[in-house]
Amino acid sequence: MVASAASVRDEVACEVLPEVHRRLAGGEAPALALAGATADLPTTLVCLGSGW
């Protein structure tokens, strides 16, 4: 699960989440997908759990 402990700006969510979904669809683990999608962005998004 990808979540945030604080509000995330719409611009950040619109940039990050489609990339996370592309990476997940490509077979990446959730934590790696989020890390790759947010590598150059400051964000409060975190990945909880290990995925399936």
PDB file of N, CA and C in Angstrom:
ATOM      1  N   MET A   1       0.835  -1.164   0.000  1.00  0.00           N
ATOM      2  CA  MET A   1       0.000   0.000   0.000  1.00  0.00           C
ATOM      3  C   MET A   1       0.890   1.241   0.000  1.00  0.00           C
ATOM      4  N   VAL A   2       0.555   2.183  -0.849  1.00  0.00           N
ATOM      5  CA  VAL A   2       1.234   3.475  -0.874  1.00  0.00           C
ATOM      6  C   VAL A   2       0.324   4.454  -0.159  1.00  0.00           C
ATOM      7  N   ALA A   3       0.892   5.175   0.796  1.00  0.00           N
ATOM      8  CA  ALA A   3       0.115   6.115   1.595  1.00  0.00           C
ATOM      9  C   ALA A   3       0.991   7.328   1.909  1.00  0.00           C
ATOM     10  N   SER A   4       0.390   8.290   2.579  1.00  0.00           N
ATOM     11  CA  SER A   4       1.127   9.475   2.997  1.00  0.00           C
ATOM     12  C   SER A   4       0.701   9.873   4.399  1.00  0.00           C
ATOM     13  N   ALA A   5       1.666  10.255   5.189  1.00  0.00           N
ATOM     14  CA  ALA A   5       1.393  10.705   6.554  1.00  0.00           C
ATOM     15  C   ALA A   5       0.929  12.159   6.585  1.00  0.00           C
ATOM     16  N   ALA A   6       1.036  12.847   5.465  1.00  0.00           N
ATOM     17  CA  ALA A   6       0.643  14.254   5.378  1.00  0.00           C
ATOM     18  C   ALA A   6       0.020  14.501   4.003  1.00  0.00           C
ATOM     19  N   SER A   7      -0.545  15.649   3.836  1.00  0.00           N
ATOM     20  CA  SER A   7      -1.153  15.996   2.546  1.00  0.00           C
ATOM     21  C   SER A   7      -0.108  15.973   1.438  1.00  0.00           C
ATOM     22  N   VAL A   8      -0.529  15.533   0.264  1.00  0.00           N
ATOM     23  CA  VAL A   8       0.333  15.516  -0.910  1.00  0.00           C
ATOM     24  C   VAL A   8      -0.292  16.466  -1.929  1.00  0.00           C
ATOM     25  N   ARG A   9       0.523  17.374  -2.457  1.00  0.00           N
ATOM     26  CA  ARG A   9       0.014  18.310  -3.464  1.00  0.00           C
ATOM     27  C   ARG A   9      -0.489  17.544  -4.674  1.00  0.00           C
ATOM     28  N   ASP A  10      -1.553  18.020  -5.274  1.00  0.00           N
ATOM     29  CA  ASP A  10      -2.128  17.376  -6.454  1.00  0.00           C
ATOM     30  C   ASP A  10      -1.094  17.214  -7.559  1.00  0.00           C
ATOM     31  N   GLU A  11      -0.250  18.218  -7.755  1.00  0.00           N
ATOM     32  CA  GLU A  11       0.754  18.161  -8.809  1.00  0.00           C
ATOM     33  C   GLU A  11       1.721  17.000  -8.587  1.00  0.00           C
ATOM     34  N   VAL A  12       2.096  16.774  -7.337  1.00  0.00           N
ATOM     35  CA  VAL A  12       3.008  15.680  -7.007  1.00  0.00           C
ATOM     36  C   VAL A  12       2.310  14.344  -7.218  1.00  0.00           C
ATOM     37  N   ALA A  13       1.091  14.220  -6.723  1.00  0.00           N
ATOM     38  CA  ALA A  13       0.344  12.968  -6.877  1.00  0.00           C
ATOM     39  C   ALA A  13       0.140  12.643  -8.354  1.00  0.00           C
ATOM     40  N   CYS A  14      -0.172  13.647  -9.159  1.00  0.00           N
ATOM     41  CA  CYS A  14      -0.407  13.427 -10.589  1.00  0.00           C
ATOM     42  C   CYS A  14       0.869  13.052 -11.327  1.00  0.00           C
ATOM     43  N   GLU A  15       2.001  13.422 -10.802  1.00  0.00           N
ATOM     44  CA  GLU A  15       3.274  13.056 -11.417  1.00  0.00           C
ATOM     45  C   GLU A  15       3.742  11.685 -10.934  1.00  0.00           C
ATOM     46  N   VAL A  16       3.610  11.428  -9.645  1.00  0.00           N
ATOM     47  CA  VAL A  16       4.175  10.224  -9.046  1.00  0.00           C
ATOM     48  C   VAL A  16       3.308   8.986  -9.252  1.00  0.00           C
ATOM     49  N   LEU A  17       2.028   9.071  -8.985  1.00  0.00           N
ATOM     50  CA  LEU A  17       1.204   7.867  -8.957  1.00  0.00           C
ATOM     51  C   LEU A  17       1.074   7.157 -10.302  1.00  0.00           C
ATOM     52  N   PRO A  18       0.939   7.853 -11.423  1.00  0.00           N
ATOM     53  CA  PRO A  18       0.938   7.110 -12.694  1.00  0.00           C
ATOM     54  C   PRO A  18       2.249   6.350 -12.928  1.00  0.00           C
ATOM     55  N   GLU A  19       3.363   6.953 -12.525  1.00  0.00           N
ATOM     56  CA  GLU A  19       4.654   6.277 -12.669  1.00  0.00           C
ATOM     57  C   GLU A  19       4.732   5.058 -11.751  1.00  0.00           C
ATOM     58  N   VAL A  20       4.224   5.172 -10.539  1.00  0.00           N
ATOM     59  CA  VAL A  20       4.183   4.020  -9.632  1.00  0.00           C
ATOM     60  C   VAL A  20       3.367   2.898 -10.268  1.00  0.00           C
ATOM     61  N   HIS A  21       2.222   3.219 -10.826  1.00  0.00           N
ATOM     62  CA  HIS A  21       1.360   2.207 -11.447  1.00  0.00           C
ATOM     63  C   HIS A  21       2.031   1.569 -12.660  1.00  0.00           C
ATOM     64  N   ARG A  22       2.741   2.363 -13.467  1.00  0.00           N
ATOM     65  CA  ARG A  22       3.465   1.799 -14.617  1.00  0.00           C
ATOM     66  C   ARG A  22       4.515   0.800 -14.138  1.00  0.00           C
ATOM     67  N   ARG A  23       5.221   1.169 -13.090  1.00  0.00           N
ATOM     68  CA  ARG A  23       6.265   0.299 -12.560  1.00  0.00           C
ATOM     69  C   ARG A  23       5.673  -0.970 -11.945  1.00  0.00           C
ATOM     70  N   LEU A  24       4.563  -0.834 -11.238  1.00  0.00           N
ATOM     71  CA  LEU A  24       3.901  -2.011 -10.673  1.00  0.00           C
ATOM     72  C   LEU A  24       3.442  -2.943 -11.794  1.00  0.00           C
ATOM     73  N   ALA A  25       2.859  -2.381 -12.835  1.00  0.00           N
ATOM     74  CA  ALA A  25       2.401  -3.185 -13.966  1.00  0.00           C
ATOM     75  C   ALA A  25       3.568  -3.881 -14.659  1.00  0.00           C
ATOM     76  N   GLY A  26       4.741  -3.286 -14.574  1.00  0.00           N
ATOM     77  CA  GLY A  26       5.937  -3.882 -15.155  1.00  0.00           C
ATOM     78  C   GLY A  26       6.577  -4.930 -14.271  1.00  0.00           C
ATOM     79  N   GLY A  27       5.999  -5.157 -13.086  1.00  0.00           N
ATOM     80  CA  GLY A  27       6.486  -6.223 -12.221  1.00  0.00           C
ATOM     81  C   GLY A  27       7.357  -5.800 -11.055  1.00  0.00           C
ATOM     82  N   GLU A  28       7.579  -4.507 -10.880  1.00  0.00           N
ATOM     83  CA  GLU A  28       8.391  -4.072  -9.741  1.00  0.00           C
ATOM     84  C   GLU A  28       7.631  -4.252  -8.435  1.00  0.00           C
ATOM     85  N   ALA A  29       8.358  -4.505  -7.371  1.00  0.00           N
ATOM     86  CA  ALA A  29       7.767  -4.556  -6.030  1.00  0.00           C
ATOM     87  C   ALA A  29       7.279  -3.154  -5.665  1.00  0.00           C
ATOM     88  N   PRO A  30       6.235  -3.048  -4.833  1.00  0.00           N
ATOM     89  CA  PRO A  30       5.686  -1.741  -4.493  1.00  0.00           C
ATOM     90  C   PRO A  30       6.722  -0.745  -3.946  1.00  0.00           C
ATOM     91  N   ALA A  31       7.574  -1.180  -3.045  1.00  0.00           N
ATOM     92  CA  ALA A  31       8.563  -0.262  -2.470  1.00  0.00           C
ATOM     93  C   ALA A  31       9.536   0.241  -3.528  1.00  0.00           C
ATOM     94  N   LEU A  32       9.966  -0.641  -4.427  1.00  0.00           N
ATOM     95  CA  LEU A  32      10.884  -0.229  -5.491  1.00  0.00           C
ATOM     96  C   LEU A  32      10.190   0.685  -6.495  1.00  0.00           C
ATOM     97  N   ALA A  33       8.930   0.408  -6.794  1.00  0.00           N
ATOM     98  CA  ALA A  33       8.170   1.257  -7.708  1.00  0.00           C
ATOM     99  C   ALA A  33       8.036   2.664  -7.152  1.00  0.00           C
ATOM    100  N   LEU A  34       7.712   2.776  -5.878  1.00  0.00           N
ATOM    101  CA  LEU A  34       7.592   4.100  -5.255  1.00  0.00           C
ATOM    102  C   LEU A  34       8.942   4.797  -5.176  1.00  0.00           C
ATOM    103  N   ALA A  35       9.971   4.062  -4.801  1.00  0.00           N
ATOM    104  CA  ALA A  35      11.309   4.659  -4.716  1.00  0.00           C
ATOM    105  C   ALA A  35      11.761   5.176  -6.073  1.00  0.00           C
ATOM    106  N   GLY A  36      11.526   4.410  -7.116  1.00  0.00           N
ATOM    107  CA  GLY A  36      11.913   4.852  -8.451  1.00  0.00           C
ATOM    108  C   GLY A  36      11.121   6.056  -8.927  1.00  0.00           C
ATOM    109  N   ALA A  37       9.852   6.078  -8.606  1.00  0.00           N
ATOM    110  CA  ALA A  37       8.986   7.176  -9.048  1.00  0.00           C
ATOM    111  C   ALA A  37       9.237   8.472  -8.287  1.00  0.00           C
ATOM    112  N   THR A  38       9.785   8.382  -7.092  1.00  0.00           N
ATOM    113  CA  THR A  38      10.001   9.575  -6.263  1.00  0.00           C
ATOM    114  C   THR A  38      11.476   9.911  -6.073  1.00  0.00           C
ATOM    115  N   ALA A  39      12.348   9.287  -6.834  1.00  0.00           N
ATOM    116  CA  ALA A  39      13.790   9.451  -6.624  1.00  0.00           C
ATOM    117  C   ALA A  39      14.243  10.908  -6.635  1.00  0.00           C
ATOM    118  N   ASP A  40      13.635  11.721  -7.470  1.00  0.00           N
ATOM    119  CA  ASP A  40      14.063  13.119  -7.600  1.00  0.00           C
ATOM    120  C   ASP A  40      13.089  14.110  -6.979  1.00  0.00           C
ATOM    121  N   LEU A  41      12.132  13.609  -6.204  1.00  0.00           N
ATOM    122  CA  LEU A  41      11.101  14.484  -5.648  1.00  0.00           C
ATOM    123  C   LEU A  41      11.024  14.377  -4.131  1.00  0.00           C
ATOM    124  N   PRO A  42      10.914  15.497  -3.451  1.00  0.00           N
ATOM    125  CA  PRO A  42      10.611  15.422  -2.026  1.00  0.00           C
ATOM    126  C   PRO A  42       9.136  15.061  -1.865  1.00  0.00           C
ATOM    127  N   THR A  43       8.827  14.058  -1.082  1.00  0.00           N
ATOM    128  CA  THR A  43       7.445  13.647  -0.909  1.00  0.00           C
ATOM    129  C   THR A  43       7.265  12.967   0.442  1.00  0.00           C
ATOM    130  N   THR A  44       6.035  12.953   0.908  1.00  0.00           N
ATOM    131  CA  THR A  44       5.714  12.274   2.158  1.00  0.00           C
ATOM    132  C   THR A  44       5.116  10.903   1.897  1.00  0.00           C
ATOM    133  N   LEU A  45       5.103  10.462   0.629  1.00  0.00           N
ATOM    134  CA  LEU A  45       4.571   9.143   0.303  1.00  0.00           C
ATOM    135  C   LEU A  45       5.481   8.053   0.845  1.00  0.00           C
ATOM    136  N   VAL A  46       4.875   7.003   1.371  1.00  0.00           N
ATOM    137  CA  VAL A  46       5.622   5.850   1.887  1.00  0.00           C
ATOM    138  C   VAL A  46       4.943   4.577   1.400  1.00  0.00           C
ATOM    139  N   CYS A  47       5.685   3.498   1.400  1.00  0.00           N
ATOM    140  CA  CYS A  47       5.150   2.196   1.045  1.00  0.00           C
ATOM    141  C   CYS A  47       5.068   1.364   2.318  1.00  0.00           C
ATOM    142  N   LEU A  48       3.888   0.818   2.583  1.00  0.00           N
ATOM    143  CA  LEU A  48       3.686   0.002   3.776  1.00  0.00           C
ATOM    144  C   LEU A  48       3.395  -1.434   3.342  1.00  0.00           C
ATOM    145  N   GLY A  49       4.050  -2.381   3.938  1.00  0.00           N
ATOM    146  CA  GLY A  49       3.855  -3.774   3.583  1.00  0.00           C
ATOM    147  C   GLY A  49       4.855  -4.207   2.516  1.00  0.00           C
ATOM    148  N   SER A  50       4.780  -5.466   2.163  1.00  0.00           N
ATOM    149  CA  SER A  50       5.768  -6.024   1.230  1.00  0.00           C
ATOM    150  C   SER A  50       5.215  -6.291  -0.155  1.00  0.00           C
ATOM    151  N   GLY A  51       3.951  -6.001  -0.380  1.00  0.00           N
ATOM    152  CA  GLY A  51       3.368  -6.293  -1.681  1.00  0.00           C
ATOM    153  C   GLY A  51       2.938  -7.739  -1.752  1.00  0.00           C
ATOM    154  N   TRP A  52       2.570  -8.181  -2.931  1.00  0.00           N
ATOM    155  CA  TRP A  52       2.098  -9.559  -3.090  1.00  0.00           C
ATOM    156  C   TRP A  52       3.210 -10.359  -3.623  1.00  0.00           C
TER     157      TRP A  52
END
